[in-house]
Amino acid sequence: IYSWLILFICDSAAAIIGVRFGKTIIADGKSFEGSF
């Protein structure tokens, strides 16, 4: 349950925040802002 919560909540938030506000690309199109 804990891992699923992280998957569905954090991945969704990271993608939206990363696409919208990501400026610092760290790897494979992923941003520091989304990862943070």
Full PDB file with SEQRES, HELIX, SHEET, SSBOND, CRYST1, ORIGX, SCALE, CONECT and MASTER records, all heavy atoms in Angstrom:
SEQRES   1 A   36  ILE TYR SER TRP LEU ILE LEU PHE ILE CYS ASP SER ALA          
SEQRES   2 A   36  ALA ALA ILE ILE GLY VAL ARG PHE GLY LYS THR ILE ILE          
SEQRES   3 A   36  ALA ASP GLY LYS SER PHE GLU GLY SER PHE                      
HELIX    1 AA1 TYR A    2  LEU A    5  1                                   4    
HELIX    2 AA2 ILE A    6  CYS A   10  3                                   5    
HELIX    3 AA3 ASP A   11  PHE A   21  1                                  11    
HELIX    4 AA4 PHE A   32  SER A   35  1                                   4    
SHEET    1 AA1 2 ILE A  25  ALA A  27  0                                        
SHEET    2 AA1 2 LYS A  30  SER A  31 -1                                        
CRYST1    1.000    1.000    1.000  90.00  90.00  90.00 P 1           1          
ORIGX1      1.000000  0.000000  0.000000        0.00000                         
ORIGX2      0.000000  1.000000  0.000000        0.00000                         
ORIGX3      0.000000  0.000000  1.000000        0.00000                         
SCALE1      1.000000  0.000000  0.000000        0.00000                         
SCALE2      0.000000  1.000000  0.000000        0.00000                         
SCALE3      0.000000  0.000000  1.000000        0.00000                         
ATOM      1  N   ILE A   1       0.839  -1.205   0.000  1.00  0.00           N  
ATOM      2  CA  ILE A   1       0.000   0.000   0.000  1.00  0.00           C  
ATOM      3  C   ILE A   1       0.875   1.256   0.000  1.00  0.00           C  
ATOM      4  O   ILE A   1       0.623   2.200  -0.763  1.00  0.00           O  
ATOM      5  CB  ILE A   1      -0.970  -0.020   1.203  1.00  0.00           C  
ATOM      6  CG1 ILE A   1      -2.031  -1.107   0.988  1.00  0.00           C  
ATOM      7  CG2 ILE A   1      -1.620   1.348   1.415  1.00  0.00           C  
ATOM      8  CD1 ILE A   1      -2.887  -1.396   2.200  1.00  0.00           C  
ATOM      9  N   TYR A   2       1.904   1.254   0.807  1.00  0.00           N  
ATOM     10  CA  TYR A   2       2.820   2.402   0.866  1.00  0.00           C  
ATOM     11  C   TYR A   2       3.474   2.651  -0.498  1.00  0.00           C  
ATOM     12  O   TYR A   2       3.511   3.782  -0.979  1.00  0.00           O  
ATOM     13  CB  TYR A   2       3.870   2.153   1.950  1.00  0.00           C  
ATOM     14  CG  TYR A   2       4.920   3.219   2.096  1.00  0.00           C  
ATOM     15  CD1 TYR A   2       4.569   4.535   2.326  1.00  0.00           C  
ATOM     16  CD2 TYR A   2       6.269   2.903   2.024  1.00  0.00           C  
ATOM     17  CE1 TYR A   2       5.536   5.518   2.486  1.00  0.00           C  
ATOM     18  CE2 TYR A   2       7.239   3.874   2.181  1.00  0.00           C  
ATOM     19  CZ  TYR A   2       6.860   5.176   2.405  1.00  0.00           C  
ATOM     20  OH  TYR A   2       7.815   6.148   2.551  1.00  0.00           O  
ATOM     21  N   SER A   3       3.956   1.590  -1.128  1.00  0.00           N  
ATOM     22  CA  SER A   3       4.618   1.768  -2.428  1.00  0.00           C  
ATOM     23  C   SER A   3       3.626   2.222  -3.496  1.00  0.00           C  
ATOM     24  O   SER A   3       3.972   3.029  -4.359  1.00  0.00           O  
ATOM     25  CB  SER A   3       5.328   0.484  -2.849  1.00  0.00           C  
ATOM     26  OG  SER A   3       4.401  -0.548  -3.113  1.00  0.00           O  
ATOM     27  N   TRP A   4       2.409   1.718  -3.438  1.00  0.00           N  
ATOM     28  CA  TRP A   4       1.396   2.146  -4.410  1.00  0.00           C  
ATOM     29  C   TRP A   4       1.031   3.616  -4.216  1.00  0.00           C  
ATOM     30  O   TRP A   4       0.827   4.340  -5.189  1.00  0.00           O  
ATOM     31  CB  TRP A   4       0.156   1.286  -4.313  1.00  0.00           C  
ATOM     32  CG  TRP A   4       0.311  -0.119  -4.810  1.00  0.00           C  
ATOM     33  CD1 TRP A   4       1.412  -0.678  -5.407  1.00  0.00           C  
ATOM     34  CD2 TRP A   4      -0.668  -1.151  -4.748  1.00  0.00           C  
ATOM     35  NE1 TRP A   4       1.166  -1.991  -5.712  1.00  0.00           N  
ATOM     36  CE2 TRP A   4      -0.108  -2.311  -5.314  1.00  0.00           C  
ATOM     37  CE3 TRP A   4      -1.956  -1.216  -4.248  1.00  0.00           C  
ATOM     38  CZ2 TRP A   4      -0.787  -3.503  -5.419  1.00  0.00           C  
ATOM     39  CZ3 TRP A   4      -2.648  -2.409  -4.344  1.00  0.00           C  
ATOM     40  CH2 TRP A   4      -2.078  -3.543  -4.936  1.00  0.00           C  
ATOM     41  N   LEU A   5       0.933   4.055  -2.976  1.00  0.00           N  
ATOM     42  CA  LEU A   5       0.648   5.472  -2.723  1.00  0.00           C  
ATOM     43  C   LEU A   5       1.745   6.347  -3.312  1.00  0.00           C  
ATOM     44  O   LEU A   5       1.466   7.367  -3.950  1.00  0.00           O  
ATOM     45  CB  LEU A   5       0.517   5.736  -1.214  1.00  0.00           C  
ATOM     46  CG  LEU A   5      -0.748   5.208  -0.547  1.00  0.00           C  
ATOM     47  CD1 LEU A   5      -0.659   5.357   0.967  1.00  0.00           C  
ATOM     48  CD2 LEU A   5      -1.988   5.909  -1.078  1.00  0.00           C  
ATOM     49  N   ILE A   6       2.987   5.941  -3.105  1.00  0.00           N  
ATOM     50  CA  ILE A   6       4.102   6.694  -3.674  1.00  0.00           C  
ATOM     51  C   ILE A   6       4.029   6.687  -5.198  1.00  0.00           C  
ATOM     52  O   ILE A   6       4.187   7.724  -5.840  1.00  0.00           O  
ATOM     53  CB  ILE A   6       5.450   6.149  -3.160  1.00  0.00           C  
ATOM     54  CG1 ILE A   6       5.617   6.506  -1.693  1.00  0.00           C  
ATOM     55  CG2 ILE A   6       6.617   6.696  -3.990  1.00  0.00           C  
ATOM     56  CD1 ILE A   6       6.845   5.939  -1.038  1.00  0.00           C  
ATOM     57  N   LEU A   7       3.766   5.526  -5.774  1.00  0.00           N  
ATOM     58  CA  LEU A   7       3.675   5.425  -7.236  1.00  0.00           C  
ATOM     59  C   LEU A   7       2.627   6.389  -7.780  1.00  0.00           C  
ATOM     60  O   LEU A   7       2.919   7.211  -8.649  1.00  0.00           O  
ATOM     61  CB  LEU A   7       3.340   3.987  -7.659  1.00  0.00           C  
ATOM     62  CG  LEU A   7       2.924   3.803  -9.120  1.00  0.00           C  
ATOM     63  CD1 LEU A   7       4.093   4.083 -10.056  1.00  0.00           C  
ATOM     64  CD2 LEU A   7       2.372   2.414  -9.339  1.00  0.00           C  
ATOM     65  N   PHE A   8       1.420   6.286  -7.283  1.00  0.00           N  
ATOM     66  CA  PHE A   8       0.332   7.045  -7.895  1.00  0.00           C  
ATOM     67  C   PHE A   8       0.352   8.528  -7.550  1.00  0.00           C  
ATOM     68  O   PHE A   8       0.062   9.363  -8.403  1.00  0.00           O  
ATOM     69  CB  PHE A   8      -1.019   6.428  -7.527  1.00  0.00           C  
ATOM     70  CG  PHE A   8      -1.200   5.074  -8.145  1.00  0.00           C  
ATOM     71  CD1 PHE A   8      -1.288   3.943  -7.351  1.00  0.00           C  
ATOM     72  CD2 PHE A   8      -1.255   4.918  -9.513  1.00  0.00           C  
ATOM     73  CE1 PHE A   8      -1.444   2.686  -7.919  1.00  0.00           C  
ATOM     74  CE2 PHE A   8      -1.391   3.668 -10.098  1.00  0.00           C  
ATOM     75  CZ  PHE A   8      -1.492   2.549  -9.296  1.00  0.00           C  
ATOM     76  N   ILE A   9       0.711   8.870  -6.333  1.00  0.00           N  
ATOM     77  CA  ILE A   9       0.705  10.285  -5.949  1.00  0.00           C  
ATOM     78  C   ILE A   9       1.972  10.987  -6.410  1.00  0.00           C  
ATOM     79  O   ILE A   9       1.918  12.015  -7.094  1.00  0.00           O  
ATOM     80  CB  ILE A   9       0.523  10.437  -4.425  1.00  0.00           C  
ATOM     81  CG1 ILE A   9      -0.849   9.903  -4.001  1.00  0.00           C  
ATOM     82  CG2 ILE A   9       0.682  11.904  -4.013  1.00  0.00           C  
ATOM     83  CD1 ILE A   9      -1.033   9.796  -2.497  1.00  0.00           C  
ATOM     84  N   CYS A  10       3.121  10.429  -6.052  1.00  0.00           N  
ATOM     85  CA  CYS A  10       4.399  11.116  -6.330  1.00  0.00           C  
ATOM     86  C   CYS A  10       4.736  11.161  -7.807  1.00  0.00           C  
ATOM     87  O   CYS A  10       5.211  12.178  -8.303  1.00  0.00           O  
ATOM     88  CB  CYS A  10       5.526  10.460  -5.544  1.00  0.00           C  
ATOM     89  SG  CYS A  10       5.282  10.549  -3.773  1.00  0.00           S  
ATOM     90  N   ASP A  11       4.506  10.058  -8.514  1.00  0.00           N  
ATOM     91  CA  ASP A  11       4.818  10.049  -9.941  1.00  0.00           C  
ATOM     92  C   ASP A  11       3.957  11.061 -10.686  1.00  0.00           C  
ATOM     93  O   ASP A  11       4.449  11.785 -11.547  1.00  0.00           O  
ATOM     94  CB  ASP A  11       4.637   8.645 -10.517  1.00  0.00           C  
ATOM     95  CG  ASP A  11       5.015   8.591 -11.981  1.00  0.00           C  
ATOM     96  OD1 ASP A  11       6.193   8.846 -12.303  1.00  0.00           O  
ATOM     97  OD2 ASP A  11       4.130   8.317 -12.823  1.00  0.00           O  
ATOM     98  N   SER A  12       2.678  11.109 -10.339  1.00  0.00           N  
ATOM     99  CA  SER A  12       1.780  12.073 -10.988  1.00  0.00           C  
ATOM    100  C   SER A  12       2.222  13.503 -10.712  1.00  0.00           C  
ATOM    101  O   SER A  12       2.330  14.321 -11.626  1.00  0.00           O  
ATOM    102  CB  SER A  12       0.342  11.867 -10.507  1.00  0.00           C  
ATOM    103  OG  SER A  12      -0.114  10.581 -10.836  1.00  0.00           O  
ATOM    104  N   ALA A  13       2.476  13.796  -9.447  1.00  0.00           N  
ATOM    105  CA  ALA A  13       2.891  15.153  -9.077  1.00  0.00           C  
ATOM    106  C   ALA A  13       4.227  15.516  -9.717  1.00  0.00           C  
ATOM    107  O   ALA A  13       4.394  16.625 -10.243  1.00  0.00           O  
ATOM    108  CB  ALA A  13       2.982  15.274  -7.558  1.00  0.00           C  
ATOM    109  N   ALA A  14       5.186  14.591  -9.699  1.00  0.00           N  
ATOM    110  CA  ALA A  14       6.514  14.876 -10.263  1.00  0.00           C  
ATOM    111  C   ALA A  14       6.429  15.178 -11.755  1.00  0.00           C  
ATOM    112  O   ALA A  14       7.091  16.095 -12.248  1.00  0.00           O  
ATOM    113  CB  ALA A  14       7.456  13.708 -10.004  1.00  0.00           C  
ATOM    114  N   ALA A  15       5.615  14.415 -12.465  1.00  0.00           N  
ATOM    115  CA  ALA A  15       5.495  14.637 -13.908  1.00  0.00           C  
ATOM    116  C   ALA A  15       4.861  15.990 -14.202  1.00  0.00           C  
ATOM    117  O   ALA A  15       5.349  16.745 -15.051  1.00  0.00           O  
ATOM    118  CB  ALA A  15       4.675  13.518 -14.545  1.00  0.00           C  
ATOM    119  N   ILE A  16       3.793  16.300 -13.507  1.00  0.00           N  
ATOM    120  CA  ILE A  16       3.114  17.581 -13.756  1.00  0.00           C  
ATOM    121  C   ILE A  16       4.005  18.755 -13.358  1.00  0.00           C  
ATOM    122  O   ILE A  16       4.163  19.708 -14.117  1.00  0.00           O  
ATOM    123  CB  ILE A  16       1.757  17.622 -13.021  1.00  0.00           C  
ATOM    124  CG1 ILE A  16       0.797  16.611 -13.670  1.00  0.00           C  
ATOM    125  CG2 ILE A  16       1.159  19.024 -13.054  1.00  0.00           C  
ATOM    126  CD1 ILE A  16      -0.480  16.359 -12.894  1.00  0.00           C  
ATOM    127  N   ILE A  17       4.608  18.682 -12.190  1.00  0.00           N  
ATOM    128  CA  ILE A  17       5.499  19.759 -11.734  1.00  0.00           C  
ATOM    129  C   ILE A  17       6.727  19.849 -12.637  1.00  0.00           C  
ATOM    130  O   ILE A  17       7.146  20.945 -13.015  1.00  0.00           O  
ATOM    131  CB  ILE A  17       5.889  19.552 -10.260  1.00  0.00           C  
ATOM    132  CG1 ILE A  17       4.658  19.786  -9.381  1.00  0.00           C  
ATOM    133  CG2 ILE A  17       7.039  20.475  -9.851  1.00  0.00           C  
ATOM    134  CD1 ILE A  17       4.818  19.359  -7.938  1.00  0.00           C  
ATOM    135  N   GLY A  18       7.297  18.707 -12.987  1.00  0.00           N  
ATOM    136  CA  GLY A  18       8.476  18.707 -13.849  1.00  0.00           C  
ATOM    137  C   GLY A  18       8.211  19.292 -15.221  1.00  0.00           C  
ATOM    138  O   GLY A  18       9.007  20.085 -15.740  1.00  0.00           O  
ATOM    139  N   VAL A  19       7.084  18.942 -15.818  1.00  0.00           N  
ATOM    140  CA  VAL A  19       6.750  19.472 -17.146  1.00  0.00           C  
ATOM    141  C   VAL A  19       6.422  20.964 -17.055  1.00  0.00           C  
ATOM    142  O   VAL A  19       6.824  21.747 -17.902  1.00  0.00           O  
ATOM    143  CB  VAL A  19       5.569  18.681 -17.771  1.00  0.00           C  
ATOM    144  CG1 VAL A  19       5.019  19.381 -18.992  1.00  0.00           C  
ATOM    145  CG2 VAL A  19       6.016  17.270 -18.132  1.00  0.00           C  
ATOM    146  N   ARG A  20       5.718  21.341 -16.010  1.00  0.00           N  
ATOM    147  CA  ARG A  20       5.280  22.731 -15.889  1.00  0.00           C  
ATOM    148  C   ARG A  20       6.397  23.667 -15.416  1.00  0.00           C  
ATOM    149  O   ARG A  20       6.558  24.755 -15.925  1.00  0.00           O  
ATOM    150  CB  ARG A  20       4.089  22.799 -14.913  1.00  0.00           C  
ATOM    151  CG  ARG A  20       3.550  24.175 -14.665  1.00  0.00           C  
ATOM    152  CD  ARG A  20       2.817  24.706 -15.901  1.00  0.00           C  
ATOM    153  NE  ARG A  20       2.257  25.998 -15.660  1.00  0.00           N  
ATOM    154  CZ  ARG A  20       2.815  27.144 -16.058  1.00  0.00           C  
ATOM    155  NH1 ARG A  20       3.942  27.128 -16.723  1.00  0.00           N  
ATOM    156  NH2 ARG A  20       2.240  28.282 -15.804  1.00  0.00           N  
ATOM    157  N   PHE A  21       7.180  23.233 -14.428  1.00  0.00           N  
ATOM    158  CA  PHE A  21       8.153  24.133 -13.803  1.00  0.00           C  
ATOM    159  C   PHE A  21       9.600  23.680 -13.967  1.00  0.00           C  
ATOM    160  O   PHE A  21      10.499  24.389 -13.537  1.00  0.00           O  
ATOM    161  CB  PHE A  21       7.848  24.282 -12.301  1.00  0.00           C  
ATOM    162  CG  PHE A  21       6.485  24.824 -12.018  1.00  0.00           C  
ATOM    163  CD1 PHE A  21       5.485  23.977 -11.550  1.00  0.00           C  
ATOM    164  CD2 PHE A  21       6.177  26.155 -12.236  1.00  0.00           C  
ATOM    165  CE1 PHE A  21       4.212  24.461 -11.291  1.00  0.00           C  
ATOM    166  CE2 PHE A  21       4.913  26.651 -11.978  1.00  0.00           C  
ATOM    167  CZ  PHE A  21       3.920  25.797 -11.509  1.00  0.00           C  
ATOM    168  N   GLY A  22       9.812  22.505 -14.528  1.00  0.00           N  
ATOM    169  CA  GLY A  22      11.163  21.962 -14.633  1.00  0.00           C  
ATOM    170  C   GLY A  22      12.060  22.780 -15.540  1.00  0.00           C  
ATOM    171  O   GLY A  22      11.742  23.013 -16.695  1.00  0.00           O  
ATOM    172  N   LYS A  23      13.168  23.210 -14.997  1.00  0.00           N  
ATOM    173  CA  LYS A  23      14.153  23.981 -15.762  1.00  0.00           C  
ATOM    174  C   LYS A  23      15.504  23.275 -15.803  1.00  0.00           C  
ATOM    175  O   LYS A  23      16.255  23.435 -16.741  1.00  0.00           O  
ATOM    176  CB  LYS A  23      14.351  25.371 -15.126  1.00  0.00           C  
ATOM    177  CG  LYS A  23      13.087  26.180 -15.001  1.00  0.00           C  
ATOM    178  CD  LYS A  23      12.834  26.989 -16.238  1.00  0.00           C  
ATOM    179  CE  LYS A  23      11.682  27.944 -16.048  1.00  0.00           C  
ATOM    180  NZ  LYS A  23      10.454  27.527 -16.681  1.00  0.00           N  
ATOM    181  N   THR A  24      15.796  22.482 -14.767  1.00  0.00           N  
ATOM    182  CA  THR A  24      17.100  21.849 -14.632  1.00  0.00           C  
ATOM    183  C   THR A  24      16.981  20.368 -14.966  1.00  0.00           C  
ATOM    184  O   THR A  24      16.557  19.563 -14.138  1.00  0.00           O  
ATOM    185  CB  THR A  24      17.620  22.007 -13.182  1.00  0.00           C  
ATOM    186  OG1 THR A  24      17.469  23.365 -12.784  1.00  0.00           O  
ATOM    187  CG2 THR A  24      19.063  21.568 -13.076  1.00  0.00           C  
ATOM    188  N   ILE A  25      17.336  20.007 -16.197  1.00  0.00           N  
ATOM    189  CA  ILE A  25      17.238  18.616 -16.636  1.00  0.00           C  
ATOM    190  C   ILE A  25      18.412  17.841 -16.042  1.00  0.00           C  
ATOM    191  O   ILE A  25      19.569  18.235 -16.181  1.00  0.00           O  
ATOM    192  CB  ILE A  25      17.239  18.512 -18.179  1.00  0.00           C  
ATOM    193  CG1 ILE A  25      16.098  19.349 -18.775  1.00  0.00           C  
ATOM    194  CG2 ILE A  25      17.154  17.058 -18.618  1.00  0.00           C  
ATOM    195  CD1 ILE A  25      14.715  18.970 -18.288  1.00  0.00           C  
ATOM    196  N   ILE A  26      18.099  16.720 -15.380  1.00  0.00           N  
ATOM    197  CA  ILE A  26      19.165  15.941 -14.749  1.00  0.00           C  
ATOM    198  C   ILE A  26      19.441  14.633 -15.479  1.00  0.00           C  
ATOM    199  O   ILE A  26      20.561  14.161 -15.467  1.00  0.00           O  
ATOM    200  CB  ILE A  26      18.882  15.683 -13.252  1.00  0.00           C  
ATOM    201  CG1 ILE A  26      17.512  15.075 -13.032  1.00  0.00           C  
ATOM    202  CG2 ILE A  26      19.025  16.949 -12.457  1.00  0.00           C  
ATOM    203  CD1 ILE A  26      17.202  14.722 -11.594  1.00  0.00           C  
ATOM    204  N   ALA A  27      18.431  14.032 -16.103  1.00  0.00           N  
ATOM    205  CA  ALA A  27      18.659  12.783 -16.843  1.00  0.00           C  
ATOM    206  C   ALA A  27      17.408  12.402 -17.610  1.00  0.00           C  
ATOM    207  O   ALA A  27      16.298  12.502 -17.084  1.00  0.00           O  
ATOM    208  CB  ALA A  27      19.046  11.654 -15.889  1.00  0.00           C  
ATOM    209  N   ASP A  28      17.584  11.976 -18.825  1.00  0.00           N  
ATOM    210  CA  ASP A  28      16.506  11.391 -19.632  1.00  0.00           C  
ATOM    211  C   ASP A  28      15.238  12.242 -19.640  1.00  0.00           C  
ATOM    212  O   ASP A  28      14.142  11.727 -19.522  1.00  0.00           O  
ATOM    213  CB  ASP A  28      16.222   9.976 -19.127  1.00  0.00           C  
ATOM    214  CG  ASP A  28      15.410   9.164 -20.130  1.00  0.00           C  
ATOM    215  OD1 ASP A  28      15.564   9.399 -21.348  1.00  0.00           O  
ATOM    216  OD2 ASP A  28      14.620   8.304 -19.690  1.00  0.00           O  
ATOM    217  N   GLY A  29      15.391  13.548 -19.731  1.00  0.00           N  
ATOM    218  CA  GLY A  29      14.247  14.451 -19.775  1.00  0.00           C  
ATOM    219  C   GLY A  29      13.610  14.725 -18.429  1.00  0.00           C  
ATOM    220  O   GLY A  29      12.610  15.426 -18.341  1.00  0.00           O  
ATOM    221  N   LYS A  30      14.156  14.176 -17.365  1.00  0.00           N  
ATOM    222  CA  LYS A  30      13.617  14.388 -16.026  1.00  0.00           C  
ATOM    223  C   LYS A  30      14.271  15.626 -15.424  1.00  0.00           C  
ATOM    224  O   LYS A  30      15.464  15.836 -15.561  1.00  0.00           O  
ATOM    225  CB  LYS A  30      13.876  13.187 -15.101  1.00  0.00           C  
ATOM    226  CG  LYS A  30      13.434  11.854 -15.664  1.00  0.00           C  
ATOM    227  CD  LYS A  30      11.944  11.803 -15.889  1.00  0.00           C  
ATOM    228  CE  LYS A  30      11.536  10.444 -16.422  1.00  0.00           C  
ATOM    229  NZ  LYS A  30      10.245  10.430 -17.032  1.00  0.00           N  
ATOM    230  N   SER A  31      13.447  16.407 -14.726  1.00  0.00           N  
ATOM    231  CA  SER A  31      13.976  17.647 -14.161  1.00  0.00           C  
ATOM    232  C   SER A  31      14.242  17.497 -12.668  1.00  0.00           C  
ATOM    233  O   SER A  31      13.630  16.671 -11.983  1.00  0.00           O  
ATOM    234  CB  SER A  31      12.981  18.792 -14.375  1.00  0.00           C  
ATOM    235  OG  SER A  31      11.845  18.615 -13.568  1.00  0.00           O  
ATOM    236  N   PHE A  32      15.137  18.341 -12.188  1.00  0.00           N  
ATOM    237  CA  PHE A  32      15.414  18.400 -10.756  1.00  0.00           C  
ATOM    238  C   PHE A  32      14.143  18.782 -10.004  1.00  0.00           C  
ATOM    239  O   PHE A  32      13.831  18.208  -8.959  1.00  0.00           O  
ATOM    240  CB  PHE A  32      16.530  19.412 -10.469  1.00  0.00           C  
ATOM    241  CG  PHE A  32      16.698  19.679  -9.005  1.00  0.00           C  
ATOM    242  CD1 PHE A  32      17.380  18.779  -8.192  1.00  0.00           C  
ATOM    243  CD2 PHE A  32      16.135  20.815  -8.425  1.00  0.00           C  
ATOM    244  CE1 PHE A  32      17.513  19.012  -6.827  1.00  0.00           C  
ATOM    245  CE2 PHE A  32      16.263  21.049  -7.061  1.00  0.00           C  
ATOM    246  CZ  PHE A  32      16.959  20.152  -6.269  1.00  0.00           C  
ATOM    247  N   GLU A  33      13.395  19.741 -10.538  1.00  0.00           N  
ATOM    248  CA  GLU A  33      12.197  20.234  -9.869  1.00  0.00           C  
ATOM    249  C   GLU A  33      11.152  19.123  -9.710  1.00  0.00           C  
ATOM    250  O   GLU A  33      10.555  18.972  -8.630  1.00  0.00           O  
ATOM    251  CB  GLU A  33      11.608  21.427 -10.638  1.00  0.00           C  
ATOM    252  CG  GLU A  33      12.493  22.649 -10.647  1.00  0.00           C  
ATOM    253  CD  GLU A  33      13.643  22.622 -11.671  1.00  0.00           C  
ATOM    254  OE1 GLU A  33      13.738  21.653 -12.460  1.00  0.00           O  
ATOM    255  OE2 GLU A  33      14.443  23.568 -11.676  1.00  0.00           O  
ATOM    256  N   GLY A  34      10.933  18.343 -10.761  1.00  0.00           N  
ATOM    257  CA  GLY A  34       9.992  17.227 -10.670  1.00  0.00           C  
ATOM    258  C   GLY A  34      10.485  16.159  -9.716  1.00  0.00           C  
ATOM    259  O   GLY A  34       9.719  15.638  -8.903  1.00  0.00           O  
ATOM    260  N   SER A  35      11.774  15.832  -9.804  1.00  0.00           N  
ATOM    261  CA  SER A  35      12.354  14.815  -8.917  1.00  0.00           C  
ATOM    262  C   SER A  35      12.321  15.250  -7.460  1.00  0.00           C  
ATOM    263  O   SER A  35      12.024  14.454  -6.566  1.00  0.00           O  
ATOM    264  CB  SER A  35      13.798  14.515  -9.339  1.00  0.00           C  
ATOM    265  OG  SER A  35      13.828  14.011 -10.648  1.00  0.00           O  
ATOM    266  N   PHE A  36      12.607  16.521  -7.221  1.00  0.00           N  
ATOM    267  CA  PHE A  36      12.581  17.034  -5.853  1.00  0.00           C  
ATOM    268  C   PHE A  36      11.160  16.990  -5.293  1.00  0.00           C  
ATOM    269  O   PHE A  36      10.953  16.640  -4.127  1.00  0.00           O  
ATOM    270  CB  PHE A  36      13.147  18.460  -5.802  1.00  0.00           C  
ATOM    271  CG  PHE A  36      13.301  18.996  -4.416  1.00  0.00           C  
ATOM    272  CD1 PHE A  36      14.263  18.476  -3.562  1.00  0.00           C  
ATOM    273  CD2 PHE A  36      12.487  20.014  -3.960  1.00  0.00           C  
ATOM    274  CE1 PHE A  36      14.408  18.963  -2.267  1.00  0.00           C  
ATOM    275  CE2 PHE A  36      12.625  20.513  -2.667  1.00  0.00           C  
ATOM    276  CZ  PHE A  36      13.584  19.982  -1.817  1.00  0.00           C  
TER     277      PHE A  36                                                      
MASTER        0    0    0    4    2    0    0    6  276    1    0    3          
END                                                                             
